[in-house]
PDB file of N, CA and C in Angstrom:
ATOM      1  N   MET A   1     -21.220   8.583  -9.755  1.00  0.00           N
ATOM      2  CA  MET A   1     -20.907   8.060  -8.426  1.00  0.00           C
ATOM      3  C   MET A   1     -22.209   7.896  -7.655  1.00  0.00           C
ATOM      4  N   ASN A   2     -22.346   6.789  -6.965  1.00  0.00           N
ATOM      5  CA  ASN A   2     -23.594   6.582  -6.238  1.00  0.00           C
ATOM      6  C   ASN A   2     -23.532   7.267  -4.869  1.00  0.00           C
ATOM      7  N   ALA A   3     -24.695   7.465  -4.265  1.00  0.00           N
ATOM      8  CA  ALA A   3     -24.784   8.228  -3.023  1.00  0.00           C
ATOM      9  C   ALA A   3     -24.061   7.566  -1.867  1.00  0.00           C
ATOM     10  N   GLN A   4     -23.874   6.238  -1.907  1.00  0.00           N
ATOM     11  CA  GLN A   4     -23.211   5.546  -0.798  1.00  0.00           C
ATOM     12  C   GLN A   4     -21.695   5.623  -0.881  1.00  0.00           C
ATOM     13  N   GLN A   5     -21.154   6.021  -2.000  1.00  0.00           N
ATOM     14  CA  GLN A   5     -19.702   6.003  -2.190  1.00  0.00           C
ATOM     15  C   GLN A   5     -18.925   6.747  -1.095  1.00  0.00           C
ATOM     16  N   PRO A   6     -19.303   7.998  -0.737  1.00  0.00           N
ATOM     17  CA  PRO A   6     -18.531   8.671   0.317  1.00  0.00           C
ATOM     18  C   PRO A   6     -18.517   7.890   1.620  1.00  0.00           C
ATOM     19  N   ASN A   7     -19.644   7.244   1.996  1.00  0.00           N
ATOM     20  CA  ASN A   7     -19.679   6.452   3.214  1.00  0.00           C
ATOM     21  C   ASN A   7     -18.734   5.254   3.101  1.00  0.00           C
ATOM     22  N   LEU A   8     -18.721   4.591   1.958  1.00  0.00           N
ATOM     23  CA  LEU A   8     -17.802   3.470   1.759  1.00  0.00           C
ATOM     24  C   LEU A   8     -16.359   3.931   1.852  1.00  0.00           C
ATOM     25  N   ASP A   9     -16.058   5.074   1.272  1.00  0.00           N
ATOM     26  CA  ASP A   9     -14.697   5.598   1.353  1.00  0.00           C
ATOM     27  C   ASP A   9     -14.291   5.808   2.808  1.00  0.00           C
ATOM     28  N   ALA A  10     -15.191   6.378   3.588  1.00  0.00           N
ATOM     29  CA  ALA A  10     -14.901   6.629   5.005  1.00  0.00           C
ATOM     30  C   ALA A  10     -14.723   5.320   5.773  1.00  0.00           C
ATOM     31  N   ILE A  11     -15.570   4.333   5.474  1.00  0.00           N
ATOM     32  CA  ILE A  11     -15.472   3.042   6.171  1.00  0.00           C
ATOM     33  C   ILE A  11     -14.145   2.363   5.863  1.00  0.00           C
ATOM     34  N   PHE A  12     -13.817   2.239   4.574  1.00  0.00           N
ATOM     35  CA  PHE A  12     -12.576   1.546   4.213  1.00  0.00           C
ATOM     36  C   PHE A  12     -11.340   2.324   4.658  1.00  0.00           C
ATOM     37  N   SER A  13     -11.425   3.640   4.635  1.00  0.00           N
ATOM     38  CA  SER A  13     -10.314   4.455   5.123  1.00  0.00           C
ATOM     39  C   SER A  13     -10.118   4.234   6.623  1.00  0.00           C
ATOM     40  N   ALA A  14     -11.221   4.185   7.358  1.00  0.00           N
ATOM     41  CA  ALA A  14     -11.141   3.950   8.805  1.00  0.00           C
ATOM     42  C   ALA A  14     -10.558   2.572   9.102  1.00  0.00           C
ATOM     43  N   LEU A  15     -10.957   1.570   8.336  1.00  0.00           N
ATOM     44  CA  LEU A  15     -10.477   0.200   8.559  1.00  0.00           C
ATOM     45  C   LEU A  15      -9.027  -0.003   8.120  1.00  0.00           C
ATOM     46  N   ALA A  16      -8.498   0.926   7.345  1.00  0.00           N
ATOM     47  CA  ALA A  16      -7.134   0.779   6.828  1.00  0.00           C
ATOM     48  C   ALA A  16      -6.070   0.942   7.913  1.00  0.00           C
ATOM     49  N   ASP A  17      -6.430   1.534   9.027  1.00  0.00           N
ATOM     50  CA  ASP A  17      -5.451   1.808  10.080  1.00  0.00           C
ATOM     51  C   ASP A  17      -5.489   0.716  11.151  1.00  0.00           C
ATOM     52  N   PRO A  18      -4.341   0.131  11.488  1.00  0.00           N
ATOM     53  CA  PRO A  18      -4.319  -0.956  12.480  1.00  0.00           C
ATOM     54  C   PRO A  18      -4.771  -0.524  13.880  1.00  0.00           C
ATOM     55  N   THR A  19      -4.500   0.706  14.248  1.00  0.00           N
ATOM     56  CA  THR A  19      -4.945   1.177  15.569  1.00  0.00           C
ATOM     57  C   THR A  19      -6.467   1.218  15.617  1.00  0.00           C
ATOM     58  N   ARG A  20      -7.076   1.700  14.547  1.00  0.00           N
ATOM     59  CA  ARG A  20      -8.539   1.758  14.526  1.00  0.00           C
ATOM     60  C   ARG A  20      -9.152   0.365  14.499  1.00  0.00           C
ATOM     61  N   ARG A  21      -8.516  -0.567  13.793  1.00  0.00           N
ATOM     62  CA  ARG A  21      -9.024  -1.946  13.810  1.00  0.00           C
ATOM     63  C   ARG A  21      -8.903  -2.531  15.219  1.00  0.00           C
ATOM     64  N   ALA A  22      -7.827  -2.216  15.908  1.00  0.00           N
ATOM     65  CA  ALA A  22      -7.655  -2.702  17.284  1.00  0.00           C
ATOM     66  C   ALA A  22      -8.725  -2.106  18.201  1.00  0.00           C
ATOM     67  N   ILE A  23      -9.044  -0.841  17.997  1.00  0.00           N
ATOM     68  CA  ILE A  23     -10.092  -0.206  18.792  1.00  0.00           C
ATOM     69  C   ILE A  23     -11.426  -0.901  18.544  1.00  0.00           C
ATOM     70  N   LEU A  24     -11.732  -1.195  17.288  1.00  0.00           N
ATOM     71  CA  LEU A  24     -12.976  -1.910  16.980  1.00  0.00           C
ATOM     72  C   LEU A  24     -13.017  -3.263  17.670  1.00  0.00           C
ATOM     73  N   ALA A  25     -11.894  -3.960  17.685  1.00  0.00           N
ATOM     74  CA  ALA A  25     -11.838  -5.262  18.348  1.00  0.00           C
ATOM     75  C   ALA A  25     -12.122  -5.123  19.839  1.00  0.00           C
ATOM     76  N   MET A  26     -11.590  -4.079  20.456  1.00  0.00           N
ATOM     77  CA  MET A  26     -11.840  -3.844  21.877  1.00  0.00           C
ATOM     78  C   MET A  26     -13.320  -3.559  22.132  1.00  0.00           C
ATOM     79  N   LEU A  27     -13.929  -2.791  21.235  1.00  0.00           N
ATOM     80  CA  LEU A  27     -15.326  -2.416  21.418  1.00  0.00           C
ATOM     81  C   LEU A  27     -16.287  -3.557  21.109  1.00  0.00           C
ATOM     82  N   LEU A  28     -15.788  -4.614  20.463  1.00  0.00           N
ATOM     83  CA  LEU A  28     -16.623  -5.805  20.268  1.00  0.00           C
ATOM     84  C   LEU A  28     -16.965  -6.438  21.613  1.00  0.00           C
ATOM     85  N   GLU A  29     -16.086  -6.269  22.578  1.00  0.00           N
ATOM     86  CA  GLU A  29     -16.282  -6.856  23.906  1.00  0.00           C
ATOM     87  C   GLU A  29     -17.331  -6.104  24.707  1.00  0.00           C
ATOM     88  N   ASP A  30     -17.259  -4.762  24.700  1.00  0.00           N
ATOM     89  CA  ASP A  30     -18.166  -3.962  25.521  1.00  0.00           C
ATOM     90  C   ASP A  30     -17.950  -2.484  25.207  1.00  0.00           C
ATOM     91  N   ASP A  31     -18.885  -1.649  25.643  1.00  0.00           N
ATOM     92  CA  ASP A  31     -18.712  -0.204  25.563  1.00  0.00           C
ATOM     93  C   ASP A  31     -17.519   0.164  26.442  1.00  0.00           C
ATOM     94  N   MET A  32     -16.813   1.220  26.060  1.00  0.00           N
ATOM     95  CA  MET A  32     -15.644   1.627  26.831  1.00  0.00           C
ATOM     96  C   MET A  32     -15.552   3.144  26.910  1.00  0.00           C
ATOM     97  N   ALA A  33     -15.031   3.634  28.024  1.00  0.00           N
ATOM     98  CA  ALA A  33     -14.719   5.052  28.154  1.00  0.00           C
ATOM     99  C   ALA A  33     -13.492   5.343  27.287  1.00  0.00           C
ATOM    100  N   VAL A  34     -13.402   6.569  26.799  1.00  0.00           N
ATOM    101  CA  VAL A  34     -12.280   6.949  25.940  1.00  0.00           C
ATOM    102  C   VAL A  34     -10.954   6.660  26.624  1.00  0.00           C
ATOM    103  N   THR A  35     -10.850   6.950  27.913  1.00  0.00           N
ATOM    104  CA  THR A  35      -9.585   6.713  28.613  1.00  0.00           C
ATOM    105  C   THR A  35      -9.235   5.226  28.671  1.00  0.00           C
ATOM    106  N   ASP A  36     -10.252   4.365  28.760  1.00  0.00           N
ATOM    107  CA  ASP A  36     -10.011   2.922  28.755  1.00  0.00           C
ATOM    108  C   ASP A  36      -9.592   2.443  27.366  1.00  0.00           C
ATOM    109  N   VAL A  37     -10.176   3.052  26.333  1.00  0.00           N
ATOM    110  CA  VAL A  37      -9.771   2.720  24.961  1.00  0.00           C
ATOM    111  C   VAL A  37      -8.296   3.072  24.779  1.00  0.00           C
ATOM    112  N   ALA A  38      -7.882   4.200  25.315  1.00  0.00           N
ATOM    113  CA  ALA A  38      -6.513   4.691  25.129  1.00  0.00           C
ATOM    114  C   ALA A  38      -5.476   3.890  25.915  1.00  0.00           C
ATOM    115  N   ALA A  39      -5.883   3.272  27.013  1.00  0.00           N
ATOM    116  CA  ALA A  39      -4.934   2.639  27.943  1.00  0.00           C
ATOM    117  C   ALA A  39      -3.930   1.678  27.296  1.00  0.00           C
ATOM    118  N   PRO A  40      -4.333   0.767  26.408  1.00  0.00           N
ATOM    119  CA  PRO A  40      -3.349  -0.190  25.891  1.00  0.00           C
ATOM    120  C   PRO A  40      -2.397   0.371  24.827  1.00  0.00           C
ATOM    121  N   PHE A  41      -2.651   1.588  24.369  1.00  0.00           N
ATOM    122  CA  PHE A  41      -1.843   2.137  23.281  1.00  0.00           C
ATOM    123  C   PHE A  41      -0.774   3.079  23.814  1.00  0.00           C
ATOM    124  N   GLN A  42       0.342   3.092  23.156  1.00  0.00           N
ATOM    125  CA  GLN A  42       1.428   3.985  23.563  1.00  0.00           C
ATOM    126  C   GLN A  42       1.421   5.243  22.702  1.00  0.00           C
ATOM    127  N   ILE A  43       0.233   5.833  22.582  1.00  0.00           N
ATOM    128  CA  ILE A  43       0.076   7.106  21.887  1.00  0.00           C
ATOM    129  C   ILE A  43      -0.765   8.003  22.776  1.00  0.00           C
ATOM    130  N   SER A  44      -0.774   9.291  22.461  1.00  0.00           N
ATOM    131  CA  SER A  44      -1.462  10.254  23.320  1.00  0.00           C
ATOM    132  C   SER A  44      -2.980  10.078  23.282  1.00  0.00           C
ATOM    133  N   LEU A  45      -3.616  10.596  24.307  1.00  0.00           N
ATOM    134  CA  LEU A  45      -5.073  10.586  24.367  1.00  0.00           C
ATOM    135  C   LEU A  45      -5.646  11.392  23.202  1.00  0.00           C
ATOM    136  N   ALA A  46      -4.953  12.461  22.818  1.00  0.00           N
ATOM    137  CA  ALA A  46      -5.401  13.267  21.672  1.00  0.00           C
ATOM    138  C   ALA A  46      -5.377  12.442  20.387  1.00  0.00           C
ATOM    139  N   ALA A  47      -4.356  11.618  20.212  1.00  0.00           N
ATOM    140  CA  ALA A  47      -4.269  10.766  19.019  1.00  0.00           C
ATOM    141  C   ALA A  47      -5.384   9.733  19.014  1.00  0.00           C
ATOM    142  N   ILE A  48      -5.673   9.149  20.179  1.00  0.00           N
ATOM    143  CA  ILE A  48      -6.783   8.185  20.283  1.00  0.00           C
ATOM    144  C   ILE A  48      -8.097   8.890  19.955  1.00  0.00           C
ATOM    145  N   SER A  49      -8.274  10.094  20.451  1.00  0.00           N
ATOM    146  CA  SER A  49      -9.498  10.851  20.175  1.00  0.00           C
ATOM    147  C   SER A  49      -9.669  11.084  18.676  1.00  0.00           C
ATOM    148  N   LYS A  50      -8.572  11.326  17.976  1.00  0.00           N
ATOM    149  CA  LYS A  50      -8.651  11.508  16.524  1.00  0.00           C
ATOM    150  C   LYS A  50      -9.043  10.206  15.834  1.00  0.00           C
ATOM    151  N   HIS A  51      -8.483   9.085  16.288  1.00  0.00           N
ATOM    152  CA  HIS A  51      -8.869   7.779  15.734  1.00  0.00           C
ATOM    153  C   HIS A  51     -10.357   7.518  15.975  1.00  0.00           C
ATOM    154  N   LEU A  52     -10.826   7.834  17.175  1.00  0.00           N
ATOM    155  CA  LEU A  52     -12.240   7.635  17.502  1.00  0.00           C
ATOM    156  C   LEU A  52     -13.131   8.520  16.640  1.00  0.00           C
ATOM    157  N   ALA A  53     -12.675   9.731  16.361  1.00  0.00           N
ATOM    158  CA  ALA A  53     -13.451  10.639  15.512  1.00  0.00           C
ATOM    159  C   ALA A  53     -13.581  10.084  14.094  1.00  0.00           C
ATOM    160  N   VAL A  54     -12.508   9.474  13.584  1.00  0.00           N
ATOM    161  CA  VAL A  54     -12.551   8.865  12.253  1.00  0.00           C
ATOM    162  C   VAL A  54     -13.538   7.703  12.241  1.00  0.00           C
ATOM    163  N   LEU A  55     -13.474   6.863  13.275  1.00  0.00           N
ATOM    164  CA  LEU A  55     -14.403   5.723  13.359  1.00  0.00           C
ATOM    165  C   LEU A  55     -15.852   6.200  13.475  1.00  0.00           C
ATOM    166  N   ALA A  56     -16.082   7.252  14.237  1.00  0.00           N
ATOM    167  CA  ALA A  56     -17.437   7.787  14.390  1.00  0.00           C
ATOM    168  C   ALA A  56     -17.931   8.408  13.080  1.00  0.00           C
ATOM    169  N   ALA A  57     -17.060   9.144  12.397  1.00  0.00           N
ATOM    170  CA  ALA A  57     -17.441   9.764  11.124  1.00  0.00           C
ATOM    171  C   ALA A  57     -17.785   8.711  10.076  1.00  0.00           C
ATOM    172  N   ALA A  58     -17.132   7.552  10.161  1.00  0.00           N
ATOM    173  CA  ALA A  58     -17.409   6.457   9.230  1.00  0.00           C
ATOM    174  C   ALA A  58     -18.658   5.672   9.630  1.00  0.00           C
ATOM    175  N   GLY A  59     -19.215   5.974  10.793  1.00  0.00           N
ATOM    176  CA  GLY A  59     -20.412   5.279  11.256  1.00  0.00           C
ATOM    177  C   GLY A  59     -20.129   3.926  11.879  1.00  0.00           C
ATOM    178  N   LEU A  60     -18.873   3.675  12.258  1.00  0.00           N
ATOM    179  CA  LEU A  60     -18.495   2.387  12.833  1.00  0.00           C
ATOM    180  C   LEU A  60     -18.662   2.351  14.354  1.00  0.00           C
ATOM    181  N   ILE A  61     -18.583   3.515  14.977  1.00  0.00           N
ATOM    182  CA  ILE A  61     -18.807   3.609  16.423  1.00  0.00           C
ATOM    183  C   ILE A  61     -19.700   4.817  16.698  1.00  0.00           C
ATOM    184  N   ARG A  62     -20.192   4.856  17.924  1.00  0.00           N
ATOM    185  CA  ARG A  62     -20.961   5.994  18.400  1.00  0.00           C
ATOM    186  C   ARG A  62     -20.337   6.422  19.714  1.00  0.00           C
ATOM    187  N   GLN A  63     -20.274   7.718  19.951  1.00  0.00           N
ATOM    188  CA  GLN A  63     -19.766   8.233  21.214  1.00  0.00           C
ATOM    189  C   GLN A  63     -20.888   8.986  21.910  1.00  0.00           C
ATOM    190  N   GLU A  64     -20.954   8.824  23.230  1.00  0.00           N
ATOM    191  CA  GLU A  64     -21.944   9.568  23.998  1.00  0.00           C
ATOM    192  C   GLU A  64     -21.354   9.964  25.336  1.00  0.00           C
ATOM    193  N   ARG A  65     -21.756  11.131  25.771  1.00  0.00           N
ATOM    194  CA  ARG A  65     -21.288  11.642  27.065  1.00  0.00           C
ATOM    195  C   ARG A  65     -22.240  11.169  28.148  1.00  0.00           C
ATOM    196  N   ARG A  66     -21.651  10.566  29.180  1.00  0.00           N
ATOM    197  CA  ARG A  66     -22.407  10.168  30.374  1.00  0.00           C
ATOM    198  C   ARG A  66     -21.730  10.860  31.548  1.00  0.00           C
ATOM    199  N   GLY A  67     -22.330  11.956  31.977  1.00  0.00           N
ATOM    200  CA  GLY A  67     -21.681  12.758  33.015  1.00  0.00           C
ATOM    201  C   GLY A  67     -20.439  13.408  32.440  1.00  0.00           C
ATOM    202  N   ARG A  68     -19.313  13.148  33.076  1.00  0.00           N
ATOM    203  CA  ARG A  68     -18.054  13.738  32.623  1.00  0.00           C
ATOM    204  C   ARG A  68     -17.262  12.791  31.716  1.00  0.00           C
ATOM    205  N   ILE A  69     -17.804  11.618  31.452  1.00  0.00           N
ATOM    206  CA  ILE A  69     -17.077  10.587  30.712  1.00  0.00           C
ATOM    207  C   ILE A  69     -17.689  10.390  29.335  1.00  0.00           C
ATOM    208  N   ILE A  70     -16.838  10.287  28.335  1.00  0.00           N
ATOM    209  CA  ILE A  70     -17.298   9.984  26.979  1.00  0.00           C
ATOM    210  C   ILE A  70     -17.128   8.491  26.749  1.00  0.00           C
ATOM    211  N   TRP A  71     -18.232   7.830  26.391  1.00  0.00           N
ATOM    212  CA  TRP A  71     -18.245   6.398  26.159  1.00  0.00           C
ATOM    213  C   TRP A  71     -18.284   6.116  24.670  1.00  0.00           C
ATOM    214  N   CYS A  72     -17.642   5.038  24.271  1.00  0.00           N
ATOM    215  CA  CYS A  72     -17.611   4.603  22.877  1.00  0.00           C
ATOM    216  C   CYS A  72     -18.340   3.272  22.778  1.00  0.00           C
ATOM    217  N   LYS A  73     -19.122   3.152  21.726  1.00  0.00           N
ATOM    218  CA  LYS A  73     -19.912   1.940  21.525  1.00  0.00           C
ATOM    219  C   LYS A  73     -19.830   1.569  20.047  1.00  0.00           C
ATOM    220  N   LEU A  74     -19.658   0.285  19.781  1.00  0.00           N
ATOM    221  CA  LEU A  74     -19.647  -0.204  18.415  1.00  0.00           C
ATOM    222  C   LEU A  74     -21.016   0.015  17.792  1.00  0.00           C
ATOM    223  N   GLU A  75     -21.042   0.519  16.579  1.00  0.00           N
ATOM    224  CA  GLU A  75     -22.304   0.721  15.856  1.00  0.00           C
ATOM    225  C   GLU A  75     -22.619  -0.572  15.125  1.00  0.00           C
ATOM    226  N   PRO A  76     -23.681  -1.288  15.512  1.00  0.00           N
ATOM    227  CA  PRO A  76     -23.928  -2.631  14.978  1.00  0.00           C
ATOM    228  C   PRO A  76     -24.072  -2.699  13.457  1.00  0.00           C
ATOM    229  N   ASP A  77     -24.631  -1.663  12.841  1.00  0.00           N
ATOM    230  CA  ASP A  77     -24.826  -1.691  11.392  1.00  0.00           C
ATOM    231  C   ASP A  77     -23.721  -0.962  10.641  1.00  0.00           C
ATOM    232  N   GLY A  78     -22.647  -0.610  11.330  1.00  0.00           N
ATOM    233  CA  GLY A  78     -21.593   0.189  10.726  1.00  0.00           C
ATOM    234  C   GLY A  78     -20.936  -0.421   9.504  1.00  0.00           C
ATOM    235  N   LEU A  79     -20.823  -1.733   9.466  1.00  0.00           N
ATOM    236  CA  LEU A  79     -20.165  -2.396   8.335  1.00  0.00           C
ATOM    237  C   LEU A  79     -21.141  -2.863   7.262  1.00  0.00           C
ATOM    238  N   ARG A  80     -22.412  -2.588   7.466  1.00  0.00           N
ATOM    239  CA  ARG A  80     -23.429  -3.092   6.539  1.00  0.00           C
ATOM    240  C   ARG A  80     -23.196  -2.609   5.101  1.00  0.00           C
ATOM    241  N   ASP A  81     -22.956  -1.300   4.900  1.00  0.00           N
ATOM    242  CA  ASP A  81     -22.747  -0.786   3.543  1.00  0.00           C
ATOM    243  C   ASP A  81     -21.547  -1.449   2.868  1.00  0.00           C
ATOM    244  N   ALA A  82     -20.456  -1.616   3.633  1.00  0.00           N
ATOM    245  CA  ALA A  82     -19.272  -2.256   3.066  1.00  0.00           C
ATOM    246  C   ALA A  82     -19.552  -3.713   2.724  1.00  0.00           C
ATOM    247  N   SER A  83     -20.283  -4.390   3.580  1.00  0.00           N
ATOM    248  CA  SER A  83     -20.630  -5.789   3.344  1.00  0.00           C
ATOM    249  C   SER A  83     -21.493  -5.930   2.092  1.00  0.00           C
ATOM    250  N   VAL A  84     -22.494  -5.078   1.967  1.00  0.00           N
ATOM    251  CA  VAL A  84     -23.368  -5.117   0.789  1.00  0.00           C
ATOM    252  C   VAL A  84     -22.562  -4.833  -0.476  1.00  0.00           C
ATOM    253  N   TRP A  85     -21.679  -3.869  -0.407  1.00  0.00           N
ATOM    254  CA  TRP A  85     -20.851  -3.528  -1.566  1.00  0.00           C
ATOM    255  C   TRP A  85     -19.974  -4.716  -1.977  1.00  0.00           C
ATOM    256  N   MET A  86     -19.340  -5.377  -1.001  1.00  0.00           N
ATOM    257  CA  MET A  86     -18.479  -6.522  -1.303  1.00  0.00           C
ATOM    258  C   MET A  86     -19.286  -7.691  -1.851  1.00  0.00           C
ATOM    259  N   GLN A  87     -20.493  -7.878  -1.353  1.00  0.00           N
ATOM    260  CA  GLN A  87     -21.345  -8.963  -1.846  1.00  0.00           C
ATOM    261  C   GLN A  87     -21.683  -8.772  -3.317  1.00  0.00           C
ATOM    262  N   GLY A  88     -21.681  -7.535  -3.771  1.00  0.00           N
ATOM    263  CA  GLY A  88     -21.973  -7.237  -5.159  1.00  0.00           C
ATOM    264  C   GLY A  88     -20.980  -7.873  -6.120  1.00  0.00           C
ATOM    265  N   PHE A  89     -19.818  -8.205  -5.642  1.00  0.00           N
ATOM    266  CA  PHE A  89     -18.820  -8.844  -6.487  1.00  0.00           C
ATOM    267  C   PHE A  89     -19.017 -10.353  -6.552  1.00  0.00           C
ATOM    268  N   GLY A  90     -19.871 -10.875  -5.681  1.00  0.00           N
ATOM    269  CA  GLY A  90     -20.174 -12.296  -5.699  1.00  0.00           C
ATOM    270  C   GLY A  90     -19.033 -13.173  -5.207  1.00  0.00           C
ATOM    271  N   GLN A  91     -17.956 -12.578  -4.763  1.00  0.00           N
ATOM    272  CA  GLN A  91     -16.798 -13.345  -4.317  1.00  0.00           C
ATOM    273  C   GLN A  91     -16.702 -13.394  -2.799  1.00  0.00           C
ATOM    274  N   PHE A  92     -17.504 -12.608  -2.143  1.00  0.00           N
ATOM    275  CA  PHE A  92     -17.388 -12.475  -0.700  1.00  0.00           C
ATOM    276  C   PHE A  92     -18.674 -12.904  -0.018  1.00  0.00           C
ATOM    277  N   GLU A  93     -18.529 -13.519   1.100  1.00  0.00           N
ATOM    278  CA  GLU A  93     -19.673 -13.874   1.933  1.00  0.00           C
ATOM    279  C   GLU A  93     -20.051 -12.634   2.734  1.00  0.00           C
ATOM    280  N   PRO A  94     -21.258 -12.571   3.245  1.00  0.00           N
ATOM    281  CA  PRO A  94     -21.632 -11.455   4.127  1.00  0.00           C
ATOM    282  C   PRO A  94     -20.676 -11.390   5.319  1.00  0.00           C
ATOM    283  N   VAL A  95     -20.448 -10.191   5.813  1.00  0.00           N
ATOM    284  CA  VAL A  95     -19.557 -10.019   6.953  1.00  0.00           C
ATOM    285  C   VAL A  95     -20.201 -10.667   8.174  1.00  0.00           C
ATOM    286  N   ASP A  96     -19.516 -11.623   8.738  1.00  0.00           N
ATOM    287  CA  ASP A  96     -19.950 -12.283   9.965  1.00  0.00           C
ATOM    288  C   ASP A  96     -19.159 -11.620  11.094  1.00  0.00           C
ATOM    289  N   LEU A  97     -19.850 -10.906  11.979  1.00  0.00           N
ATOM    290  CA  LEU A  97     -19.141 -10.158  13.013  1.00  0.00           C
ATOM    291  C   LEU A  97     -18.348 -11.058  13.947  1.00  0.00           C
ATOM    292  N   ASP A  98     -18.793 -12.306  14.133  1.00  0.00           N
ATOM    293  CA  ASP A  98     -18.004 -13.236  14.953  1.00  0.00           C
ATOM    294  C   ASP A  98     -16.681 -13.553  14.258  1.00  0.00           C
ATOM    295  N   ASP A  99     -16.736 -13.799  12.947  1.00  0.00           N
ATOM    296  CA  ASP A  99     -15.503 -14.034  12.188  1.00  0.00           C
ATOM    297  C   ASP A  99     -14.632 -12.788  12.196  1.00  0.00           C
ATOM    298  N   PHE A 100     -15.274 -11.614  12.059  1.00  0.00           N
ATOM    299  CA  PHE A 100     -14.529 -10.360  12.067  1.00  0.00           C
ATOM    300  C   PHE A 100     -13.828 -10.168  13.403  1.00  0.00           C
ATOM    301  N   GLU A 101     -14.513 -10.511  14.492  1.00  0.00           N
ATOM    302  CA  GLU A 101     -13.913 -10.403  15.820  1.00  0.00           C
ATOM    303  C   GLU A 101     -12.695 -11.328  15.941  1.00  0.00           C
ATOM    304  N   ARG A 102     -12.842 -12.562  15.468  1.00  0.00           N
ATOM    305  CA  ARG A 102     -11.712 -13.495  15.521  1.00  0.00           C
ATOM    306  C   ARG A 102     -10.546 -12.968  14.691  1.00  0.00           C
ATOM    307  N   PHE A 103     -10.850 -12.416  13.518  1.00  0.00           N
ATOM    308  CA  PHE A 103      -9.815 -11.838  12.655  1.00  0.00           C
ATOM    309  C   PHE A 103      -9.098 -10.697  13.376  1.00  0.00           C
ATOM    310  N   LEU A 104      -9.865  -9.795  14.000  1.00  0.00           N
ATOM    311  CA  LEU A 104      -9.244  -8.675  14.704  1.00  0.00           C
ATOM    312  C   LEU A 104      -8.394  -9.140  15.874  1.00  0.00           C
ATOM    313  N   HIS A 105      -8.885 -10.106  16.626  1.00  0.00           N
ATOM    314  CA  HIS A 105      -8.113 -10.626  17.766  1.00  0.00           C
ATOM    315  C   HIS A 105      -6.813 -11.273  17.273  1.00  0.00           C
ATOM    316  N   GLN A 106      -6.891 -12.049  16.201  1.00  0.00           N
ATOM    317  CA  GLN A 106      -5.687 -12.682  15.660  1.00  0.00           C
ATOM    318  C   GLN A 106      -4.705 -11.627  15.142  1.00  0.00           C
ATOM    319  N   SER A 107      -5.221 -10.593  14.491  1.00  0.00           N
ATOM    320  CA  SER A 107      -4.364  -9.519  13.992  1.00  0.00           C
ATOM    321  C   SER A 107      -3.651  -8.829  15.145  1.00  0.00           C
ATOM    322  N   LEU A 108      -4.374  -8.602  16.249  1.00  0.00           N
ATOM    323  CA  LEU A 108      -3.758  -7.974  17.421  1.00  0.00           C
ATOM    324  C   LEU A 108      -2.688  -8.874  18.019  1.00  0.00           C
ATOM    325  N   ARG A 109      -2.972 -10.177  18.088  1.00  0.00           N
ATOM    326  CA  ARG A 109      -1.967 -11.113  18.623  1.00  0.00           C
ATOM    327  C   ARG A 109      -0.730 -11.114  17.729  1.00  0.00           C
ATOM    328  N   ASP A 110      -0.945 -11.157  16.420  1.00  0.00           N
ATOM    329  CA  ASP A 110       0.188 -11.148  15.476  1.00  0.00           C
ATOM    330  C   ASP A 110       0.989  -9.869  15.586  1.00  0.00           C
ATOM    331  N   ALA A 111       0.304  -8.756  15.730  1.00  0.00           N
ATOM    332  CA  ALA A 111       0.976  -7.457  15.860  1.00  0.00           C
ATOM    333  C   ALA A 111       1.770  -7.421  17.171  1.00  0.00           C
ATOM    334  N   GLY A 112       1.207  -8.003  18.237  1.00  0.00           N
ATOM    335  CA  GLY A 112       1.903  -8.034  19.528  1.00  0.00           C
ATOM    336  C   GLY A 112       3.139  -8.916  19.478  1.00  0.00           C
ATOM    337  N   ASP A 113       3.080 -10.003  18.706  1.00  0.00           N
ATOM    338  CA  ASP A 113       4.242 -10.889  18.566  1.00  0.00           C
ATOM    339  C   ASP A 113       5.346 -10.216  17.769  1.00  0.00           C
ATOM    340  N   ALA A 114       4.975  -9.291  16.881  1.00  0.00           N
ATOM    341  CA  ALA A 114       5.967  -8.646  16.023  1.00  0.00           C
ATOM    342  C   ALA A 114       6.671  -7.507  16.721  1.00  0.00           C
ATOM    343  N   GLU A 115       6.101  -6.997  17.831  1.00  0.00           N
ATOM    344  CA  GLU A 115       6.738  -5.887  18.541  1.00  0.00           C
ATOM    345  C   GLU A 115       7.947  -6.387  19.312  1.00  0.00           C
ATOM    346  N   PRO A 116       8.945  -5.498  19.433  1.00  0.00           N
ATOM    347  CA  PRO A 116      10.176  -5.898  20.166  1.00  0.00           C
ATOM    348  C   PRO A 116       9.940  -6.098  21.629  1.00  0.00           C
TER     349      PRO A 116
END
């Protein structure tokens, strides 16, 4: 097993959850306080904090305390290892974050249309 494998596992595991993908899409727009990240979801703040911890452990976001508020920021190189790994198959283009953003926004719209 190569040294990058655990990081890839964490990245793909983090991306497997629709809530975490939605959080990434939100953070593409701007840094956000944890409470602002939680606002659109109908789950507890504790559950959002766990999702954020998974994203941070995978290296996809960074969290920092500013005063009493914890801010979340997208980690620009977070998907680099996954992109390089996928390129190794020769079937995938490099991850274009603009395309990824459009994909996430469309996924959120589709998910919103499917809700009752």
